[in-house]
Amino acid sequence: MNELEFVAGLRTLPLHPAARGLDDDCAVFECGTETLILTHDMMAEGTHFAPEAKMADVAWKLVAMNLSDLASKGADPIGALIGVSLGRDDEGFLSGLRDALVIYDMPLLGGDTIASTGPSTFGITAIGRATHQPVPSRRGAKEGDALYVTGIFGRAMLGFEGHAQHLDAFHRPQPRLAEGRALAPLVSAMMDVSDGLLLDAWRMAQSSKVSFRLKPELIPVADTTRLDECLRWGDDYELLFTAHPALDLPVPVTRIGVVEAESEAPVYLGGTALLEPQSLGYQHG
């Protein structure tokens, strides 16, 4: 099964209302007077990081990718549970984990460790606290909204390729927590971009039952000669959101398109209809 097929299978299982139909970045769990935000991401050697990768960077990125999900909900981090397969520079992994947890004020709650003779695999469950109600989702984009992003796309790709000025974008990405909190009261829909801007825009448009028309000349990319690659490669951990075009937004963002009524394709890149998600970004399977 590929990723889409497996997730479709999961949707046939008993789901908690907090799961939002497995159609969002996080679970949104009402607990007394608090709304908790829960997310879980994994990294595997050979898929998400190379065998020669520094384990301190792997640990940092594992934390950052989970915090990016919390950012898409405008959440404050509370803590994390971690799963670790021991055996490869465990001290380096601890060092990077400590750096990220301290900087982003997300203390460790516990977790599990295993011994592994195969490729290393790591996971984190991050828990946050919602700062605004309703909590942003992928489903709220409306016809007439404008489409925005934070940051620049393609930096992680160039960092992976070894470009010195972009190395940190790949090895130690910075989740947009402050931006997410500032935007949460204003957005109609929001998600983080981890698998490529085109693919994640496709997912948000599908969830919202609208079409997005992206203007390629407006999208900020790290290398304008490789626009298509920058929009599909992924690992950028920026925020993609929709909001009323007249709003004065409180953080630096770029307007990259408009939301239209649902039509033939969920996403149009200029005049090109993007009908299928398979080639738009990174998917497992």
Protein backbone atom coordinates (compact mmCIF):
# COMPACT_ATOMS: atom_id res chain seq x y z
CA MET A 1 0.00 0.00 0.00
CA ASN A 2 1.14 3.53 -0.62
CA GLU A 3 0.66 6.35 1.88
CA LEU A 4 -2.69 7.52 0.49
CA GLU A 5 -4.08 3.99 0.47
CA PHE A 6 -2.92 3.30 4.01
CA VAL A 7 -4.40 6.53 5.38
CA ALA A 8 -7.66 5.69 3.60
CA GLY A 9 -7.58 2.36 5.42
CA LEU A 10 -6.99 4.10 8.75
CA ARG A 11 -10.13 6.16 8.16
CA THR A 12 -12.16 2.95 8.29
CA LEU A 13 -11.05 2.39 11.90
CA PRO A 14 -12.79 3.86 14.95
CA LEU A 15 -11.70 7.50 15.04
CA HIS A 16 -11.86 9.95 17.93
CA PRO A 17 -13.48 13.30 17.05
CA ALA A 18 -10.14 14.92 17.90
CA ALA A 19 -8.61 13.18 14.88
CA ARG A 20 -10.50 15.53 12.52
CA GLY A 21 -11.03 12.64 10.13
CA LEU A 22 -7.24 12.22 9.74
CA ASP A 23 -7.45 15.17 7.38
CA ASP A 24 -5.30 17.65 9.27
CA ASP A 25 -1.80 18.19 10.63
CA CYS A 26 -2.74 17.42 14.24
CA ALA A 27 -5.38 16.05 16.56
CA VAL A 28 -7.33 18.71 18.44
CA PHE A 29 -8.39 17.34 21.82
CA GLU A 30 -10.73 19.14 24.21
CA CYS A 31 -9.60 18.51 27.80
CA GLY A 32 -11.47 20.44 30.47
CA THR A 33 -10.89 24.14 29.86
CA GLU A 34 -7.88 23.47 27.61
CA THR A 35 -7.63 22.49 23.97
CA LEU A 36 -4.63 20.23 23.45
CA ILE A 37 -2.90 19.83 20.10
CA LEU A 38 -1.22 16.47 19.46
CA THR A 39 0.97 15.38 16.58
CA HIS A 40 3.40 12.56 15.83
CA ASP A 41 6.15 12.46 13.21
CA MET A 42 8.88 9.94 12.47
CA MET A 43 12.25 9.87 10.75
CA ALA A 44 13.95 6.80 9.27
CA GLU A 45 17.54 6.33 8.14
CA GLY A 46 17.76 6.08 4.37
CA THR A 47 14.43 7.88 3.89
CA HIS A 48 14.66 11.10 5.92
CA PHE A 49 18.38 11.23 6.63
CA ALA A 50 21.52 9.71 5.18
CA PRO A 51 23.60 7.07 7.02
CA GLU A 52 26.41 9.64 7.40
CA ALA A 53 24.13 12.37 8.84
CA LYS A 54 25.09 13.95 12.15
CA MET A 55 22.77 12.54 14.78
CA ALA A 56 22.59 15.89 16.57
CA ASP A 57 21.03 17.35 13.42
CA VAL A 58 18.67 14.38 13.08
CA ALA A 59 17.39 14.96 16.62
CA TRP A 60 16.95 18.69 16.02
CA LYS A 61 15.02 18.11 12.82
CA LEU A 62 12.81 15.50 14.47
CA VAL A 63 11.77 18.07 17.07
CA ALA A 64 11.41 20.86 14.50
CA MET A 65 9.14 18.93 12.15
CA ASN A 66 6.74 18.15 15.00
CA LEU A 67 6.82 21.75 16.22
CA SER A 68 6.00 22.88 12.69
CA ASP A 69 2.73 20.95 12.96
CA LEU A 70 1.98 22.71 16.26
CA ALA A 71 2.78 26.03 14.59
CA SER A 72 0.11 25.37 11.97
CA LYS A 73 -2.44 25.30 14.80
CA GLY A 74 -1.13 28.42 16.54
CA ALA A 75 -0.16 26.25 19.52
CA ASP A 76 2.29 26.70 22.40
CA PRO A 77 4.43 23.60 23.04
CA ILE A 78 3.80 21.73 26.30
CA GLY A 79 6.03 18.67 26.02
CA ALA A 80 7.12 15.66 24.00
CA LEU A 81 7.23 11.86 24.12
CA ILE A 82 10.08 10.30 22.16
CA GLY A 83 10.79 6.91 20.58
CA VAL A 84 14.46 6.10 19.85
CA SER A 85 16.28 3.14 18.33
CA LEU A 86 19.66 3.07 20.08
CA GLY A 87 22.99 2.21 18.57
CA ARG A 88 24.27 5.06 16.45
CA ASP A 89 25.98 8.06 18.10
CA ASP A 90 23.44 8.17 20.90
CA GLU A 91 25.38 10.96 22.63
CA GLY A 92 25.18 13.10 19.51
CA PHE A 93 21.44 12.47 19.28
CA LEU A 94 21.01 13.50 22.92
CA SER A 95 22.96 16.68 22.29
CA GLY A 96 20.79 17.77 19.38
CA LEU A 97 17.65 16.76 21.24
CA ARG A 98 18.68 18.86 24.23
CA ASP A 99 19.41 21.88 22.01
CA ALA A 100 15.99 21.79 20.36
CA LEU A 101 13.95 21.06 23.48
CA VAL A 102 15.63 23.90 25.38
CA ILE A 103 15.40 26.48 22.61
CA TYR A 104 11.72 25.76 21.93
CA ASP A 105 10.79 25.27 25.60
CA MET A 106 9.31 21.81 25.05
CA PRO A 107 10.33 19.58 27.98
CA LEU A 108 10.51 15.83 27.64
CA LEU A 109 7.57 13.87 29.10
CA GLY A 110 8.91 10.37 28.49
CA GLY A 111 8.87 7.78 25.73
CA ASP A 112 10.56 4.51 24.79
CA THR A 113 13.91 3.19 23.60
CA ILE A 114 14.73 0.02 21.69
CA ALA A 115 17.93 -1.64 20.50
CA SER A 116 18.11 -1.98 16.73
CA THR A 117 20.53 -3.73 14.41
CA GLY A 118 18.84 -2.31 11.31
CA PRO A 119 18.35 1.25 10.07
CA SER A 120 17.69 3.79 12.82
CA THR A 121 14.14 5.03 13.32
CA PHE A 122 12.97 7.86 15.59
CA GLY A 123 9.61 9.36 16.49
CA ILE A 124 8.21 12.18 18.60
CA THR A 125 4.72 12.88 19.85
CA ALA A 126 4.53 16.63 20.47
CA ILE A 127 1.81 18.10 22.65
CA GLY A 128 0.77 21.72 22.56
CA ARG A 129 -1.85 24.08 23.91
CA ALA A 130 -4.14 26.01 21.56
CA THR A 131 -3.84 29.78 21.85
CA HIS A 132 -6.94 30.62 19.81
CA GLN A 133 -10.40 29.22 19.17
CA PRO A 134 -11.40 27.94 16.75
CA VAL A 135 -8.14 26.11 16.12
CA PRO A 136 -7.09 26.58 12.47
CA SER A 137 -7.64 23.64 10.14
CA ARG A 138 -7.09 22.78 6.48
CA ARG A 139 -10.80 22.99 5.76
CA GLY A 140 -11.75 26.65 6.09
CA ALA A 141 -10.44 28.29 2.89
CA LYS A 142 -13.19 30.26 1.15
CA GLU A 143 -13.68 31.62 -2.35
CA GLY A 144 -12.32 35.16 -2.44
CA ASP A 145 -9.63 34.57 0.20
CA ALA A 146 -6.02 35.29 -0.59
CA LEU A 147 -3.35 32.60 -0.33
CA TYR A 148 -0.16 33.33 1.62
CA VAL A 149 3.09 31.69 2.71
CA THR A 150 5.85 32.43 5.17
CA GLY A 151 9.48 32.21 4.14
CA ILE A 152 11.26 31.02 1.00
CA PHE A 153 10.88 27.66 -0.73
CA GLY A 154 13.72 25.50 -1.97
CA ARG A 155 16.24 26.38 0.74
CA ALA A 156 16.13 22.87 2.21
CA MET A 157 16.71 21.39 -1.25
CA LEU A 158 19.77 23.57 -1.77
CA GLY A 159 21.02 22.77 1.74
CA PHE A 160 20.69 19.06 1.00
CA GLU A 161 22.78 19.63 -2.13
CA GLY A 162 25.51 21.28 -0.02
CA HIS A 163 25.02 25.00 -0.70
CA ALA A 164 26.69 26.60 2.31
CA GLN A 165 24.19 29.43 2.87
CA HIS A 166 21.28 26.97 3.01
CA LEU A 167 22.74 24.12 5.10
CA ASP A 168 20.82 25.07 8.24
CA ALA A 169 17.54 25.13 6.31
CA PHE A 170 17.95 21.40 5.68
CA HIS A 171 19.73 20.23 8.83
CA ARG A 172 18.20 22.57 11.45
CA PRO A 173 14.92 24.05 10.19
CA GLN A 174 13.18 26.70 12.29
CA PRO A 175 9.48 25.99 12.97
CA ARG A 176 7.24 29.05 12.60
CA LEU A 177 5.75 28.95 16.09
CA ALA A 178 5.55 32.71 16.67
CA GLU A 179 4.06 33.28 13.23
CA GLY A 180 1.50 30.53 13.79
CA ARG A 181 0.35 32.07 17.06
CA ALA A 182 0.07 35.53 15.52
CA LEU A 183 -1.85 34.28 12.48
CA ALA A 184 -4.22 31.83 14.18
CA PRO A 185 -6.92 34.46 14.96
CA LEU A 186 -6.89 35.74 11.36
CA VAL A 187 -6.65 32.76 9.02
CA SER A 188 -9.50 30.85 7.42
CA ALA A 189 -7.26 27.78 6.89
CA MET A 190 -3.64 26.98 7.70
CA MET A 191 -1.17 24.09 7.49
CA ASP A 192 2.56 23.61 7.49
CA VAL A 193 4.42 22.85 4.27
CA SER A 194 6.62 19.79 4.71
CA ASP A 195 6.07 17.70 1.57
CA GLY A 196 6.31 20.44 -1.07
CA LEU A 197 4.26 23.59 -1.61
CA LEU A 198 2.30 22.21 -4.57
CA LEU A 199 1.35 18.97 -2.84
CA ASP A 200 0.37 20.62 0.43
CA ALA A 201 -1.60 23.33 -1.40
CA TRP A 202 -3.40 20.50 -3.24
CA ARG A 203 -4.23 18.86 0.09
CA MET A 204 -5.57 22.07 1.62
CA ALA A 205 -7.68 22.91 -1.43
CA GLN A 206 -9.12 19.39 -1.44
CA SER A 207 -9.95 19.58 2.26
CA SER A 208 -11.60 22.98 1.84
CA LYS A 209 -13.47 21.96 -1.35
CA VAL A 210 -12.12 24.95 -3.28
CA SER A 211 -9.47 25.58 -5.93
CA PHE A 212 -6.25 27.51 -5.43
CA ARG A 213 -4.79 29.59 -8.23
CA LEU A 214 -1.09 30.13 -7.53
CA LYS A 215 0.84 32.85 -9.32
CA PRO A 216 4.31 31.37 -9.90
CA GLU A 217 5.96 34.74 -10.35
CA LEU A 218 4.94 35.70 -6.80
CA ILE A 219 6.14 32.59 -4.97
CA PRO A 220 9.41 33.25 -3.10
CA VAL A 221 11.99 30.62 -4.05
CA ALA A 222 15.67 30.21 -3.30
CA ASP A 223 16.61 29.62 -6.95
CA THR A 224 14.37 31.14 -9.62
CA THR A 225 16.03 29.00 -12.31
CA ARG A 226 14.69 25.88 -10.54
CA LEU A 227 11.20 27.07 -9.67
CA ASP A 228 9.50 23.73 -10.27
CA GLU A 229 11.94 21.82 -8.06
CA CYS A 230 11.66 24.41 -5.29
CA LEU A 231 7.88 24.00 -5.24
CA ARG A 232 7.94 20.19 -5.15
CA TRP A 233 10.99 19.21 -3.11
CA GLY A 234 9.64 19.79 0.42
CA ASP A 235 11.31 19.93 3.86
CA ASP A 236 10.84 23.71 4.09
CA TYR A 237 8.54 23.76 7.16
CA GLU A 238 6.87 27.03 6.26
CA LEU A 239 3.22 27.95 6.79
CA LEU A 240 0.62 28.03 4.03
CA PHE A 241 -2.62 29.83 4.87
CA THR A 242 -5.65 31.64 3.53
CA ALA A 243 -7.15 34.86 4.85
CA HIS A 244 -9.35 37.73 3.76
CA PRO A 245 -7.28 39.86 1.35
CA ALA A 246 -8.07 43.12 3.20
CA LEU A 247 -6.56 41.98 6.50
CA ASP A 248 -3.42 43.64 7.83
CA LEU A 249 -1.30 40.62 8.74
CA PRO A 250 1.06 40.91 11.76
CA VAL A 251 4.06 38.93 10.44
CA PRO A 252 6.10 38.98 7.20
CA VAL A 253 4.34 36.84 4.58
CA THR A 254 3.99 36.69 0.80
CA ARG A 255 0.69 36.63 -1.05
CA ILE A 256 1.00 33.94 -3.73
CA GLY A 257 -2.50 33.47 -5.11
CA VAL A 258 -6.25 33.43 -4.63
CA VAL A 259 -8.95 31.00 -3.59
CA GLU A 260 -11.57 30.24 -6.22
CA ALA A 261 -14.73 28.14 -6.34
CA GLU A 262 -14.08 24.42 -6.65
CA SER A 263 -13.42 23.48 -10.27
CA GLU A 264 -11.66 20.88 -12.41
CA ALA A 265 -8.39 20.93 -10.45
CA PRO A 266 -7.68 21.63 -6.77
CA VAL A 267 -4.63 23.71 -7.75
CA TYR A 268 -3.70 25.81 -10.77
CA LEU A 269 -0.10 26.95 -11.16
CA GLY A 270 -0.63 29.93 -13.42
CA GLY A 271 -2.70 28.46 -16.23
CA THR A 272 -1.70 24.83 -15.61
CA ALA A 273 -4.23 22.58 -13.88
CA LEU A 274 -2.65 20.23 -11.33
CA LEU A 275 -5.10 17.34 -11.30
CA GLU A 276 -3.23 14.54 -9.51
CA PRO A 277 -1.07 14.70 -6.37
CA GLN A 278 1.35 11.89 -7.23
CA SER A 279 4.03 14.08 -8.81
CA LEU A 280 3.51 17.26 -6.80
CA GLY A 281 5.73 16.53 -3.80
CA TYR A 282 7.04 13.88 -1.43
CA GLN A 283 4.82 10.92 -0.55
CA HIS A 284 5.67 7.56 1.02
CA GLY A 285 5.07 4.31 -0.83
